Amino acid sequence: MQIDALKMFCDLAEGGSFTKAGEKNGVTQSAVSQQVASMEKYFGCSLVKRDPKRRLRLTREGEAVYEHGKRILNAYAAALRNVEAMKEAISGTVSVATIYSIGVYKLPRALRIFMKAHPSVRVELNYRAWNELLEEVKSNAVDIGLVAHPQRGEFEVVPIEEETLVLGVYPGHTFAKLTSVKAKDLHRQRFIMFPSRSPTGKGIERQLRHAGVKVQPVMEIQNVDTIKRAVEIGAGIAILPKNVMGAEVESGTLMQVEISDVEMKRPIGVIYKKGKRLSPPIRKFIEVLKGTKGGEK
């Protein structure tokens, strides 16, 4: 006896019609009758009968076959679903290189979501300076890189989001009691900057230049946490991603100040070597990154 025949019999029992059972299974009424006759021969007894009003009824044996048949069909359907889920499950390794300010403040939430959904995948996370990251992606030492101001050329780019940039100032600074300033107010202010050769440093300098602002750089620092510490001790002020200052703003060691007449942004994106074929786990990881904009530590 085949699963198809058992399904037809159960559909017949539930619909009370050979015609309806045939339509549900894409076969003729005659084909359903033949399948039922084959089952009755297999069990050696009648499974269906018609009452005096010509309505279809199951025999006692037919009721038993129907009851157990539904259990078999449900178990069979569950087996199919499980097998399909297993075929869709992904496994393997995703190696990611990221600059520090993205890795610490953007990735944790995405990692939690991804690893919960795909526990068979191992994620290798590497913190790198921007120039080291580019070389590792270029040489395929890592699968993907997560960078600010991603550039095409030798890389494919998947945009993730644009981070808002704000001023970070220490409590004793003249801006500390303000919620916003204008670009012209930044003239000659002492600034702690990201390295001028770095993508983030270039991006900030470009946006300030377009706004006609000339600041006074007093220090260049690669690490975003070190920049915050320098601002806290009053060495200068800095333009930073808004989402990296949450803890300091909450504790009162730093103040966030908007630049009201200039939209300061830092684009974030995934890069990978041009022509590289991405594996299923890498594609899934990128999907999660795109769905967790804003980050969360």
Protein backbone atom coordinates (compact mmCIF):
# COMPACT_ATOMS: atom_id res chain seq x y z
CA MET A 1 0.00 0.00 0.00
CA GLN A 2 1.35 3.43 -0.96
CA ILE A 3 1.14 6.77 0.81
CA ASP A 4 -0.78 8.24 -2.14
CA ALA A 5 -3.46 5.58 -1.85
CA LEU A 6 -3.78 6.15 1.90
CA LYS A 7 -4.13 9.89 1.35
CA MET A 8 -6.86 9.38 -1.23
CA PHE A 9 -8.74 7.11 1.16
CA CYS A 10 -8.52 9.66 3.99
CA ASP A 11 -9.65 12.46 1.66
CA LEU A 12 -12.55 10.25 0.58
CA ALA A 13 -13.52 9.64 4.21
CA GLU A 14 -13.41 13.34 5.04
CA GLY A 15 -15.14 14.60 1.88
CA GLY A 16 -17.65 11.78 1.48
CA SER A 17 -17.26 11.84 -2.29
CA PHE A 18 -15.13 9.99 -4.84
CA THR A 19 -15.33 13.03 -7.09
CA LYS A 20 -14.05 15.45 -4.40
CA ALA A 21 -11.26 13.06 -3.40
CA GLY A 22 -10.22 12.80 -7.04
CA GLU A 23 -10.19 16.58 -7.50
CA LYS A 24 -8.13 17.03 -4.35
CA ASN A 25 -5.53 14.57 -5.60
CA GLY A 26 -5.56 15.53 -9.27
CA VAL A 27 -6.97 12.19 -10.48
CA THR A 28 -10.29 10.91 -11.80
CA GLN A 29 -13.14 9.49 -9.73
CA SER A 30 -12.40 6.12 -11.29
CA ALA A 31 -8.78 6.25 -10.12
CA VAL A 32 -9.92 6.85 -6.53
CA SER A 33 -12.32 3.87 -6.78
CA GLN A 34 -9.50 1.69 -8.03
CA GLN A 35 -7.22 2.73 -5.19
CA VAL A 36 -9.92 1.98 -2.59
CA ALA A 37 -10.61 -1.39 -4.20
CA SER A 38 -6.88 -2.15 -4.07
CA MET A 39 -6.80 -1.26 -0.37
CA GLU A 40 -9.83 -3.43 0.39
CA LYS A 41 -8.08 -6.32 -1.35
CA TYR A 42 -4.95 -5.63 0.71
CA PHE A 43 -6.85 -5.62 4.02
CA GLY A 44 -9.24 -8.39 2.97
CA CYS A 45 -12.39 -6.51 3.95
CA SER A 46 -14.73 -3.71 2.87
CA LEU A 47 -13.68 -0.24 3.94
CA VAL A 48 -16.56 1.85 2.55
CA LYS A 49 -20.28 1.32 2.06
CA ARG A 50 -23.31 3.35 1.00
CA ASP A 51 -26.33 3.80 3.25
CA PRO A 52 -29.93 3.61 1.94
CA LYS A 53 -29.73 7.28 0.92
CA ARG A 54 -26.63 6.52 -1.20
CA ARG A 55 -24.36 8.46 1.16
CA LEU A 56 -20.80 7.22 1.59
CA ARG A 57 -19.96 5.68 4.96
CA LEU A 58 -16.91 3.94 6.38
CA THR A 59 -17.18 0.42 7.71
CA ARG A 60 -15.84 -0.32 11.18
CA GLU A 61 -12.63 -1.54 9.53
CA GLY A 62 -12.61 1.59 7.35
CA GLU A 63 -12.82 3.78 10.49
CA ALA A 64 -9.78 2.00 11.91
CA VAL A 65 -7.84 2.43 8.67
CA TYR A 66 -8.78 6.13 8.56
CA GLU A 67 -7.78 6.76 12.19
CA HIS A 68 -4.36 5.14 11.84
CA GLY A 69 -3.96 6.45 8.29
CA LYS A 70 -4.22 10.08 9.47
CA ARG A 71 -1.48 9.44 12.00
CA ILE A 72 0.71 7.92 9.31
CA LEU A 73 0.08 10.86 6.95
CA ASN A 74 0.82 13.41 9.67
CA ALA A 75 4.05 11.62 10.58
CA TYR A 76 5.02 11.44 6.91
CA ALA A 77 4.37 15.18 6.45
CA ALA A 78 6.45 15.94 9.55
CA ALA A 79 9.29 13.82 8.18
CA LEU A 80 9.20 15.75 4.90
CA ARG A 81 9.28 19.08 6.74
CA ASN A 82 12.22 18.00 8.88
CA VAL A 83 14.19 16.76 5.88
CA GLU A 84 13.53 20.02 4.01
CA ALA A 85 14.61 22.02 7.06
CA MET A 86 17.80 19.97 7.29
CA LYS A 87 18.55 20.58 3.62
CA GLU A 88 18.09 24.33 4.14
CA ALA A 89 20.20 24.44 7.30
CA ILE A 90 23.55 26.06 6.71
CA SER A 91 26.88 25.25 8.27
CA GLY A 92 30.51 26.18 7.83
CA THR A 93 32.60 29.21 8.76
CA VAL A 94 32.25 32.93 8.17
CA SER A 95 35.46 34.93 8.66
CA VAL A 96 34.93 38.65 9.15
CA ALA A 97 37.41 41.49 9.48
CA THR A 98 36.08 44.74 10.91
CA ILE A 99 37.37 48.08 12.05
CA TYR A 100 37.07 48.52 15.81
CA SER A 101 34.33 51.16 15.92
CA ILE A 102 32.02 48.96 13.88
CA GLY A 103 32.97 45.64 15.43
CA VAL A 104 32.40 46.74 19.02
CA TYR A 105 29.31 48.90 18.55
CA LYS A 106 27.57 47.41 15.50
CA LEU A 107 28.26 43.68 15.44
CA PRO A 108 27.17 42.26 18.83
CA ARG A 109 23.44 42.35 18.09
CA ALA A 110 23.89 40.95 14.58
CA LEU A 111 26.10 38.16 15.92
CA ARG A 112 23.54 37.16 18.54
CA ILE A 113 20.75 36.98 15.98
CA PHE A 114 22.84 35.11 13.41
CA MET A 115 24.29 32.54 15.81
CA LYS A 116 20.88 31.81 17.32
CA ALA A 117 19.40 31.21 13.86
CA HIS A 118 22.41 29.25 12.54
CA PRO A 119 24.12 27.46 15.44
CA SER A 120 26.08 25.20 13.06
CA VAL A 121 28.00 28.15 11.61
CA ARG A 122 31.26 29.28 13.23
CA VAL A 123 32.02 33.01 13.02
CA GLU A 124 35.65 34.15 13.09
CA LEU A 125 35.82 37.84 14.02
CA ASN A 126 39.02 39.82 13.51
CA TYR A 127 39.57 43.47 14.52
CA ARG A 128 41.86 45.25 12.06
CA ALA A 129 43.07 48.71 11.12
CA TRP A 130 41.38 49.84 7.92
CA ASN A 131 44.45 49.32 5.70
CA GLU A 132 45.13 45.84 7.12
CA LEU A 133 41.48 44.95 6.60
CA LEU A 134 41.60 45.89 2.92
CA GLU A 135 44.66 43.72 2.37
CA GLU A 136 43.09 40.72 4.10
CA VAL A 137 39.92 40.98 2.02
CA LYS A 138 41.97 41.45 -1.13
CA SER A 139 44.05 38.32 -0.43
CA ASN A 140 41.01 36.24 0.64
CA ALA A 141 42.48 35.85 4.13
CA VAL A 142 38.96 36.70 5.33
CA ASP A 143 35.60 36.26 3.62
CA ILE A 144 34.24 39.77 4.11
CA GLY A 145 35.21 43.10 5.63
CA LEU A 146 33.01 45.56 7.48
CA VAL A 147 34.23 49.09 6.84
CA ALA A 148 33.32 52.77 6.81
CA HIS A 149 33.12 54.59 3.47
CA PRO A 150 33.40 51.36 1.43
CA GLN A 151 34.89 51.83 -2.04
CA ARG A 152 34.38 49.68 -5.09
CA GLY A 153 37.24 49.06 -7.53
CA GLU A 154 38.83 45.84 -6.35
CA PHE A 155 35.85 45.04 -4.14
CA GLU A 156 32.17 44.30 -4.31
CA VAL A 157 30.22 46.50 -1.89
CA VAL A 158 27.01 45.78 0.00
CA PRO A 159 25.73 48.97 1.69
CA ILE A 160 24.53 48.36 5.26
CA GLU A 161 23.60 51.77 6.71
CA GLU A 162 24.64 55.37 7.20
CA GLU A 163 25.66 56.25 10.74
CA THR A 164 24.90 59.71 12.10
CA LEU A 165 27.97 61.65 13.27
CA VAL A 166 27.82 64.18 16.12
CA LEU A 167 30.21 66.23 18.22
CA GLY A 168 31.56 64.63 21.35
CA VAL A 169 32.59 67.24 23.90
CA TYR A 170 33.78 67.14 27.52
CA PRO A 171 31.53 68.61 30.25
CA GLY A 172 33.68 71.76 30.71
CA HIS A 173 33.61 72.74 27.02
CA THR A 174 31.64 75.82 25.91
CA PHE A 175 29.44 73.57 23.72
CA ALA A 176 28.59 71.20 26.58
CA LYS A 177 25.39 73.01 27.59
CA LEU A 178 24.13 73.23 23.99
CA THR A 179 22.06 70.66 22.12
CA SER A 180 23.32 71.86 18.73
CA VAL A 181 25.77 74.20 17.05
CA LYS A 182 26.22 75.48 13.52
CA ALA A 183 29.11 74.53 11.27
CA LYS A 184 30.65 78.03 11.54
CA ASP A 185 30.92 77.52 15.31
CA LEU A 186 33.50 74.80 14.69
CA HIS A 187 36.07 77.18 13.16
CA ARG A 188 39.44 76.86 14.90
CA GLN A 189 38.13 74.44 17.48
CA ARG A 190 40.71 71.97 18.76
CA PHE A 191 39.82 68.61 17.25
CA ILE A 192 40.90 65.06 17.94
CA MET A 193 40.59 63.37 14.57
CA PHE A 194 40.62 59.94 13.07
CA PRO A 195 43.83 59.50 10.98
CA SER A 196 43.66 61.74 7.93
CA ARG A 197 44.52 58.78 5.64
CA SER A 198 41.74 56.58 7.03
CA PRO A 199 38.36 56.40 5.25
CA THR A 200 36.55 57.83 8.28
CA GLY A 201 39.10 60.63 8.67
CA LYS A 202 38.88 61.51 4.98
CA GLY A 203 35.09 61.41 5.09
CA ILE A 204 34.85 63.78 8.06
CA GLU A 205 37.41 66.20 6.61
CA ARG A 206 35.56 66.19 3.28
CA GLN A 207 32.21 66.97 4.93
CA LEU A 208 33.75 69.78 7.00
CA ARG A 209 35.48 71.22 3.94
CA HIS A 210 32.21 71.23 1.97
CA ALA A 211 30.64 73.14 4.86
CA GLY A 212 33.48 75.69 4.71
CA VAL A 213 34.82 74.70 8.10
CA LYS A 214 38.50 74.67 8.99
CA VAL A 215 39.26 73.03 12.31
CA GLN A 216 42.49 72.77 14.30
CA PRO A 217 43.59 69.12 14.56
CA VAL A 218 45.61 68.55 17.72
CA MET A 219 45.78 64.77 17.63
CA GLU A 220 45.08 61.85 15.29
CA ILE A 221 43.96 58.57 16.87
CA GLN A 222 42.89 55.34 15.17
CA ASN A 223 40.91 53.77 18.02
CA VAL A 224 37.47 55.25 18.75
CA ASP A 225 37.61 54.41 22.46
CA THR A 226 40.98 56.17 22.79
CA ILE A 227 39.50 59.22 21.06
CA LYS A 228 36.70 59.27 23.64
CA ARG A 229 39.18 59.07 26.50
CA ALA A 230 41.15 61.98 25.03
CA VAL A 231 37.98 64.08 24.75
CA GLU A 232 37.01 63.21 28.33
CA ILE A 233 40.25 64.69 29.68
CA GLY A 234 39.73 67.90 27.71
CA ALA A 235 42.37 67.42 25.02
CA GLY A 236 39.88 68.53 22.39
CA ILE A 237 36.52 67.69 20.85
CA ALA A 238 35.75 65.09 18.20
CA ILE A 239 33.24 64.11 15.56
CA LEU A 240 32.15 60.56 16.31
CA PRO A 241 29.41 58.09 15.35
CA LYS A 242 26.45 58.85 17.60
CA ASN A 243 25.98 55.21 18.61
CA VAL A 244 29.48 54.85 20.15
CA MET A 245 28.92 57.39 22.93
CA GLY A 246 25.90 55.92 24.70
CA ALA A 247 27.67 54.79 27.87
CA GLU A 248 29.67 58.03 28.27
CA VAL A 249 26.64 60.25 27.67
CA GLU A 250 24.66 58.24 30.22
CA SER A 251 27.43 58.59 32.81
CA GLY A 252 27.93 62.28 32.02
CA THR A 253 31.60 62.09 30.98
CA LEU A 254 30.79 63.11 27.40
CA MET A 255 28.09 65.30 25.83
CA GLN A 256 26.60 64.85 22.38
CA VAL A 257 26.05 67.99 20.33
CA GLU A 258 24.34 68.02 16.93
CA ILE A 259 25.68 70.05 14.01
CA SER A 260 22.37 71.54 12.95
CA ASP A 261 23.15 72.84 9.45
CA VAL A 262 25.32 69.97 8.19
CA GLU A 263 24.17 66.38 7.82
CA MET A 264 27.19 64.43 9.02
CA LYS A 265 27.04 60.78 7.96
CA ARG A 266 29.36 57.78 7.84
CA PRO A 267 28.34 55.07 5.35
CA ILE A 268 28.95 51.51 6.54
CA GLY A 269 29.20 48.54 4.19
CA VAL A 270 30.40 45.01 3.62
CA ILE A 271 33.18 44.49 1.11
CA TYR A 272 34.47 41.30 -0.47
CA LYS A 273 36.88 40.55 -3.27
CA LYS A 274 35.48 41.19 -6.72
CA GLY A 275 34.39 37.96 -8.39
CA LYS A 276 34.30 36.04 -5.09
CA ARG A 277 31.46 33.53 -4.82
CA LEU A 278 29.76 33.88 -1.46
CA SER A 279 28.78 30.73 0.42
CA PRO A 280 25.26 30.38 1.92
CA PRO A 281 26.42 31.22 5.47
CA ILE A 282 28.19 34.38 4.28
CA ARG A 283 25.08 35.51 2.38
CA LYS A 284 22.92 34.86 5.45
CA PHE A 285 25.34 36.80 7.66
CA ILE A 286 25.17 39.80 5.34
CA GLU A 287 21.36 39.61 5.38
CA VAL A 288 21.40 39.78 9.17
CA LEU A 289 23.77 42.77 9.11
CA LYS A 290 21.41 44.61 6.76
CA GLY A 291 18.50 43.86 9.09
CA THR A 292 20.16 45.14 12.28
CA LYS A 293 20.79 48.78 11.47
CA GLY A 294 21.75 50.96 14.37
CA GLY A 295 23.66 48.27 16.23
CA GLU A 296 23.58 47.46 19.92
CA LYS A 297 26.42 46.78 22.28
